Amino acid sequence: MARNEIRPIIKLKSTAGTGYTYVTRKNRRNDPDRMMMRKYDPRVRRHVDFREER
């Protein structure tokens, strides 16, 4: 049960406004704030920032 508390499943939503999302896990101890990653958005065909959605 501790696994779900330490590494929750999160959604990363595109900042390009396309609504495209990635689903991943994050470590709450290392990243307590909202996560931001640069990933590929196939709807705009380029890499954009993806922010954690709650």
Protein backbone atom coordinates (compact mmCIF):
# COMPACT_ATOMS: atom_id res chain seq x y z
CA MET A 1 0.00 0.00 0.00
CA ALA A 2 2.92 2.35 0.56
CA ARG A 3 3.74 2.21 -3.14
CA ASN A 4 0.62 4.14 -4.07
CA GLU A 5 1.33 6.84 -1.52
CA ILE A 6 4.96 7.42 -2.52
CA ARG A 7 4.60 6.97 -6.31
CA PRO A 8 1.11 8.11 -7.36
CA ILE A 9 -0.16 7.92 -10.93
CA ILE A 10 -0.36 11.39 -12.50
CA LYS A 11 -1.56 12.87 -15.80
CA LEU A 12 0.66 15.18 -17.82
CA LYS A 13 -1.40 17.56 -19.99
CA SER A 14 -0.04 19.42 -23.02
CA THR A 15 0.44 23.18 -22.72
CA ALA A 16 -0.17 23.54 -26.47
CA GLY A 17 -3.91 23.41 -25.82
CA THR A 18 -4.55 20.19 -27.73
CA GLY A 19 -5.78 18.22 -24.71
CA TYR A 20 -3.27 15.43 -25.32
CA THR A 21 -2.13 13.67 -22.12
CA TYR A 22 0.50 11.22 -20.94
CA VAL A 23 0.03 9.02 -17.86
CA THR A 24 3.04 8.30 -15.66
CA ARG A 25 4.13 7.90 -12.04
CA LYS A 26 6.18 10.30 -9.97
CA ASN A 27 8.13 10.07 -6.75
CA ARG A 28 6.58 12.44 -4.20
CA ARG A 29 9.74 12.56 -2.10
CA ASN A 30 11.89 13.81 -4.99
CA ASP A 31 9.23 15.95 -6.75
CA PRO A 32 6.73 17.31 -4.20
CA ASP A 33 5.69 20.18 -6.53
CA ARG A 34 3.83 19.87 -9.80
CA MET A 35 5.89 18.12 -12.41
CA MET A 36 6.74 19.56 -15.84
CA MET A 37 8.32 17.59 -18.68
CA ARG A 38 9.08 18.33 -22.32
CA LYS A 39 7.51 15.57 -24.43
CA TYR A 40 6.23 15.00 -27.96
CA ASP A 41 2.68 16.10 -28.79
CA PRO A 42 1.55 14.25 -31.95
CA ARG A 43 -1.34 16.64 -32.58
CA VAL A 44 0.98 19.60 -33.18
CA ARG A 45 3.89 17.37 -34.32
CA ARG A 46 6.51 18.89 -32.03
CA HIS A 47 7.88 18.76 -28.49
CA VAL A 48 6.05 20.93 -25.98
CA ASP A 49 5.90 21.27 -22.20
CA PHE A 50 3.54 18.94 -20.37
CA ARG A 51 2.36 19.98 -16.89
CA GLU A 52 1.00 17.80 -14.12
CA GLU A 53 -2.79 17.88 -13.89
CA ARG A 54 -4.64 17.31 -10.61
